[in-house]
Amino acid sequence: MIVTIIYNMEYAGEAASLRNAILEEWSDCKINKMGINNAINNATYQVQLDGSIVYTGRGAGDNTTIINSIKARL
């Protein structure tokens, strides 16, 4: 599976934390991180699973909620 984390640069720490949490859950997961300077569709943090949006918001969501959302999509 491929997870993409798109984040405003102010959320770089949260994106790194989420990356680590995902790898703890699925060690074989491929993760793309993309830092942006602005918002994408009014969101500053977005997580995609194989191209499908799992989380989008004005801030970073908590890792457990996002991981549970990924599990629900598998």
N, C-alpha and C. Protein backbone atom coordinates (compact mmCIF):
# COMPACT_ATOMS: atom_id res chain seq x y z
N MET A 1 0.84 -1.17 0.00
CA MET A 1 0.00 0.00 0.00
C MET A 1 0.88 1.23 0.00
N ILE A 2 0.35 2.31 -0.53
CA ILE A 2 1.07 3.58 -0.59
C ILE A 2 0.26 4.63 0.16
N VAL A 3 0.90 5.25 1.14
CA VAL A 3 0.29 6.34 1.89
C VAL A 3 1.02 7.62 1.51
N THR A 4 0.27 8.66 1.19
CA THR A 4 0.84 9.96 0.88
C THR A 4 0.39 10.95 1.94
N ILE A 5 1.35 11.64 2.52
CA ILE A 5 1.06 12.68 3.53
C ILE A 5 1.44 14.01 2.90
N ILE A 6 0.44 14.87 2.71
CA ILE A 6 0.65 16.20 2.15
C ILE A 6 0.42 17.18 3.29
N TYR A 7 1.40 18.01 3.57
CA TYR A 7 1.30 18.85 4.76
C TYR A 7 1.90 20.23 4.52
N ASN A 8 1.31 21.22 5.16
CA ASN A 8 1.89 22.54 5.20
C ASN A 8 3.18 22.43 6.00
N MET A 9 4.20 23.17 5.64
CA MET A 9 5.51 23.04 6.26
C MET A 9 5.48 23.21 7.78
N GLU A 10 4.50 23.90 8.31
CA GLU A 10 4.41 24.06 9.77
C GLU A 10 4.03 22.76 10.48
N TYR A 11 3.60 21.76 9.72
CA TYR A 11 3.22 20.46 10.29
C TYR A 11 4.23 19.36 9.95
N ALA A 12 5.46 19.74 9.68
CA ALA A 12 6.49 18.77 9.31
C ALA A 12 6.73 17.76 10.44
N GLY A 13 6.73 18.21 11.67
CA GLY A 13 6.93 17.31 12.81
C GLY A 13 5.81 16.30 12.95
N GLU A 14 4.57 16.76 12.76
CA GLU A 14 3.41 15.86 12.83
C GLU A 14 3.44 14.85 11.70
N ALA A 15 3.87 15.28 10.50
CA ALA A 15 3.95 14.36 9.36
C ALA A 15 5.01 13.29 9.61
N ALA A 16 6.13 13.67 10.20
CA ALA A 16 7.18 12.69 10.52
C ALA A 16 6.68 11.70 11.58
N SER A 17 5.95 12.20 12.56
CA SER A 17 5.39 11.34 13.60
C SER A 17 4.40 10.35 13.01
N LEU A 18 3.54 10.83 12.11
CA LEU A 18 2.57 9.94 11.47
C LEU A 18 3.28 8.90 10.62
N ARG A 19 4.31 9.31 9.90
CA ARG A 19 5.08 8.36 9.08
C ARG A 19 5.61 7.23 9.96
N ASN A 20 6.20 7.58 11.08
CA ASN A 20 6.76 6.56 11.99
C ASN A 20 5.67 5.65 12.54
N ALA A 21 4.52 6.22 12.91
CA ALA A 21 3.42 5.42 13.45
C ALA A 21 2.88 4.45 12.40
N ILE A 22 2.79 4.90 11.16
CA ILE A 22 2.32 4.02 10.08
C ILE A 22 3.30 2.87 9.86
N LEU A 23 4.58 3.19 9.87
CA LEU A 23 5.59 2.15 9.68
C LEU A 23 5.63 1.16 10.84
N GLU A 24 5.28 1.59 12.05
CA GLU A 24 5.17 0.66 13.17
C GLU A 24 4.03 -0.32 12.95
N GLU A 25 2.94 0.17 12.34
CA GLU A 25 1.77 -0.67 12.08
C GLU A 25 1.96 -1.56 10.86
N TRP A 26 2.53 -1.00 9.79
CA TRP A 26 2.74 -1.73 8.54
C TRP A 26 4.17 -1.47 8.07
N SER A 27 5.08 -2.32 8.44
CA SER A 27 6.50 -2.10 8.15
C SER A 27 6.82 -2.09 6.65
N ASP A 28 5.97 -2.72 5.84
CA ASP A 28 6.21 -2.78 4.40
C ASP A 28 5.50 -1.67 3.61
N CYS A 29 4.89 -0.73 4.31
CA CYS A 29 4.15 0.36 3.66
C CYS A 29 5.12 1.32 2.98
N LYS A 30 4.74 1.81 1.83
CA LYS A 30 5.51 2.85 1.15
C LYS A 30 4.84 4.18 1.49
N ILE A 31 5.64 5.14 1.93
CA ILE A 31 5.10 6.43 2.37
C ILE A 31 5.77 7.55 1.59
N ASN A 32 4.94 8.41 1.02
CA ASN A 32 5.41 9.62 0.35
C ASN A 32 5.01 10.80 1.23
N LYS A 33 5.95 11.69 1.50
CA LYS A 33 5.65 12.91 2.24
C LYS A 33 5.89 14.08 1.30
N MET A 34 4.95 15.02 1.29
CA MET A 34 5.07 16.17 0.42
C MET A 34 4.77 17.43 1.22
N GLY A 35 5.79 18.23 1.45
CA GLY A 35 5.60 19.51 2.15
C GLY A 35 5.17 20.59 1.17
N ILE A 36 4.19 21.38 1.56
CA ILE A 36 3.71 22.47 0.71
C ILE A 36 3.75 23.77 1.51
N ASN A 37 3.78 24.88 0.82
CA ASN A 37 3.82 26.18 1.49
C ASN A 37 2.44 26.78 1.71
N ASN A 38 1.45 26.30 1.02
CA ASN A 38 0.10 26.85 1.12
C ASN A 38 -0.88 25.74 1.51
N ALA A 39 -2.12 25.94 1.17
CA ALA A 39 -3.16 24.94 1.42
C ALA A 39 -3.54 24.28 0.10
N ILE A 40 -4.10 23.08 0.21
CA ILE A 40 -4.63 22.37 -0.94
C ILE A 40 -6.12 22.18 -0.69
N ASN A 41 -6.96 22.84 -1.48
CA ASN A 41 -8.41 22.81 -1.27
C ASN A 41 -8.77 23.20 0.16
N ASN A 42 -8.17 24.29 0.66
CA ASN A 42 -8.39 24.83 2.00
C ASN A 42 -7.89 23.92 3.12
N ALA A 43 -7.15 22.89 2.82
CA ALA A 43 -6.60 22.00 3.84
C ALA A 43 -5.09 22.20 3.92
N THR A 44 -4.57 22.12 5.13
CA THR A 44 -3.13 22.24 5.31
C THR A 44 -2.50 20.89 5.65
N TYR A 45 -3.34 19.84 5.74
CA TYR A 45 -2.84 18.50 6.07
C TYR A 45 -3.78 17.50 5.42
N GLN A 46 -3.22 16.60 4.64
CA GLN A 46 -4.05 15.60 3.96
C GLN A 46 -3.29 14.27 3.92
N VAL A 47 -4.03 13.18 4.13
CA VAL A 47 -3.45 11.84 4.06
C VAL A 47 -4.25 11.05 3.04
N GLN A 48 -3.53 10.39 2.13
CA GLN A 48 -4.17 9.58 1.09
C GLN A 48 -3.68 8.15 1.17
N LEU A 49 -4.58 7.22 0.90
CA LEU A 49 -4.25 5.81 0.80
C LEU A 49 -4.48 5.39 -0.64
N ASP A 50 -3.40 5.04 -1.32
CA ASP A 50 -3.48 4.65 -2.73
C ASP A 50 -4.28 5.67 -3.55
N GLY A 51 -4.07 6.97 -3.27
CA GLY A 51 -4.71 8.04 -4.02
C GLY A 51 -6.07 8.47 -3.52
N SER A 52 -6.66 7.75 -2.58
CA SER A 52 -7.97 8.08 -2.03
C SER A 52 -7.77 8.83 -0.69
N ILE A 53 -8.45 9.94 -0.51
CA ILE A 53 -8.28 10.76 0.69
C ILE A 53 -8.82 10.04 1.91
N VAL A 54 -7.97 9.91 2.93
CA VAL A 54 -8.33 9.29 4.20
C VAL A 54 -8.61 10.37 5.25
N TYR A 55 -7.81 11.44 5.22
CA TYR A 55 -7.98 12.55 6.17
C TYR A 55 -7.63 13.84 5.46
N THR A 56 -8.40 14.87 5.73
CA THR A 56 -8.09 16.21 5.24
C THR A 56 -8.56 17.22 6.28
N GLY A 57 -7.76 18.24 6.52
CA GLY A 57 -8.17 19.22 7.52
C GLY A 57 -7.26 20.43 7.54
N ARG A 58 -7.63 21.39 8.37
CA ARG A 58 -6.86 22.62 8.51
C ARG A 58 -5.66 22.42 9.44
N GLY A 59 -5.59 21.27 10.07
CA GLY A 59 -4.47 20.95 10.94
C GLY A 59 -4.22 19.45 10.90
N ALA A 60 -3.15 19.06 11.56
CA ALA A 60 -2.80 17.64 11.60
C ALA A 60 -3.78 16.90 12.49
N GLY A 61 -4.27 15.78 12.02
CA GLY A 61 -5.12 14.92 12.84
C GLY A 61 -4.24 14.07 13.74
N ASP A 62 -4.85 13.42 14.73
CA ASP A 62 -4.02 12.58 15.59
C ASP A 62 -3.74 11.24 14.89
N ASN A 63 -2.57 10.70 15.17
CA ASN A 63 -2.09 9.50 14.48
C ASN A 63 -3.04 8.32 14.62
N THR A 64 -3.58 8.09 15.81
CA THR A 64 -4.46 6.94 16.03
C THR A 64 -5.70 7.02 15.15
N THR A 65 -6.31 8.19 15.07
CA THR A 65 -7.51 8.36 14.25
C THR A 65 -7.20 8.11 12.78
N ILE A 66 -6.08 8.63 12.31
CA ILE A 66 -5.71 8.45 10.90
C ILE A 66 -5.39 6.99 10.61
N ILE A 67 -4.67 6.33 11.49
CA ILE A 67 -4.36 4.91 11.30
C ILE A 67 -5.64 4.08 11.30
N ASN A 68 -6.58 4.39 12.19
CA ASN A 68 -7.85 3.68 12.19
C ASN A 68 -8.63 3.92 10.90
N SER A 69 -8.53 5.12 10.34
CA SER A 69 -9.19 5.41 9.07
C SER A 69 -8.56 4.60 7.94
N ILE A 70 -7.24 4.44 7.99
CA ILE A 70 -6.56 3.62 6.98
C ILE A 70 -7.00 2.17 7.11
N LYS A 71 -7.06 1.67 8.33
CA LYS A 71 -7.50 0.29 8.56
C LYS A 71 -8.91 0.06 8.02
N ALA A 72 -9.79 1.04 8.20
CA ALA A 72 -11.17 0.92 7.74
C ALA A 72 -11.24 0.84 6.22
N ARG A 73 -10.26 1.42 5.52
CA ARG A 73 -10.26 1.41 4.06
C ARG A 73 -9.60 0.18 3.45
N LEU A 74 -8.90 -0.57 4.27
CA LEU A 74 -8.19 -1.75 3.74
C LEU A 74 -9.14 -2.91 3.52
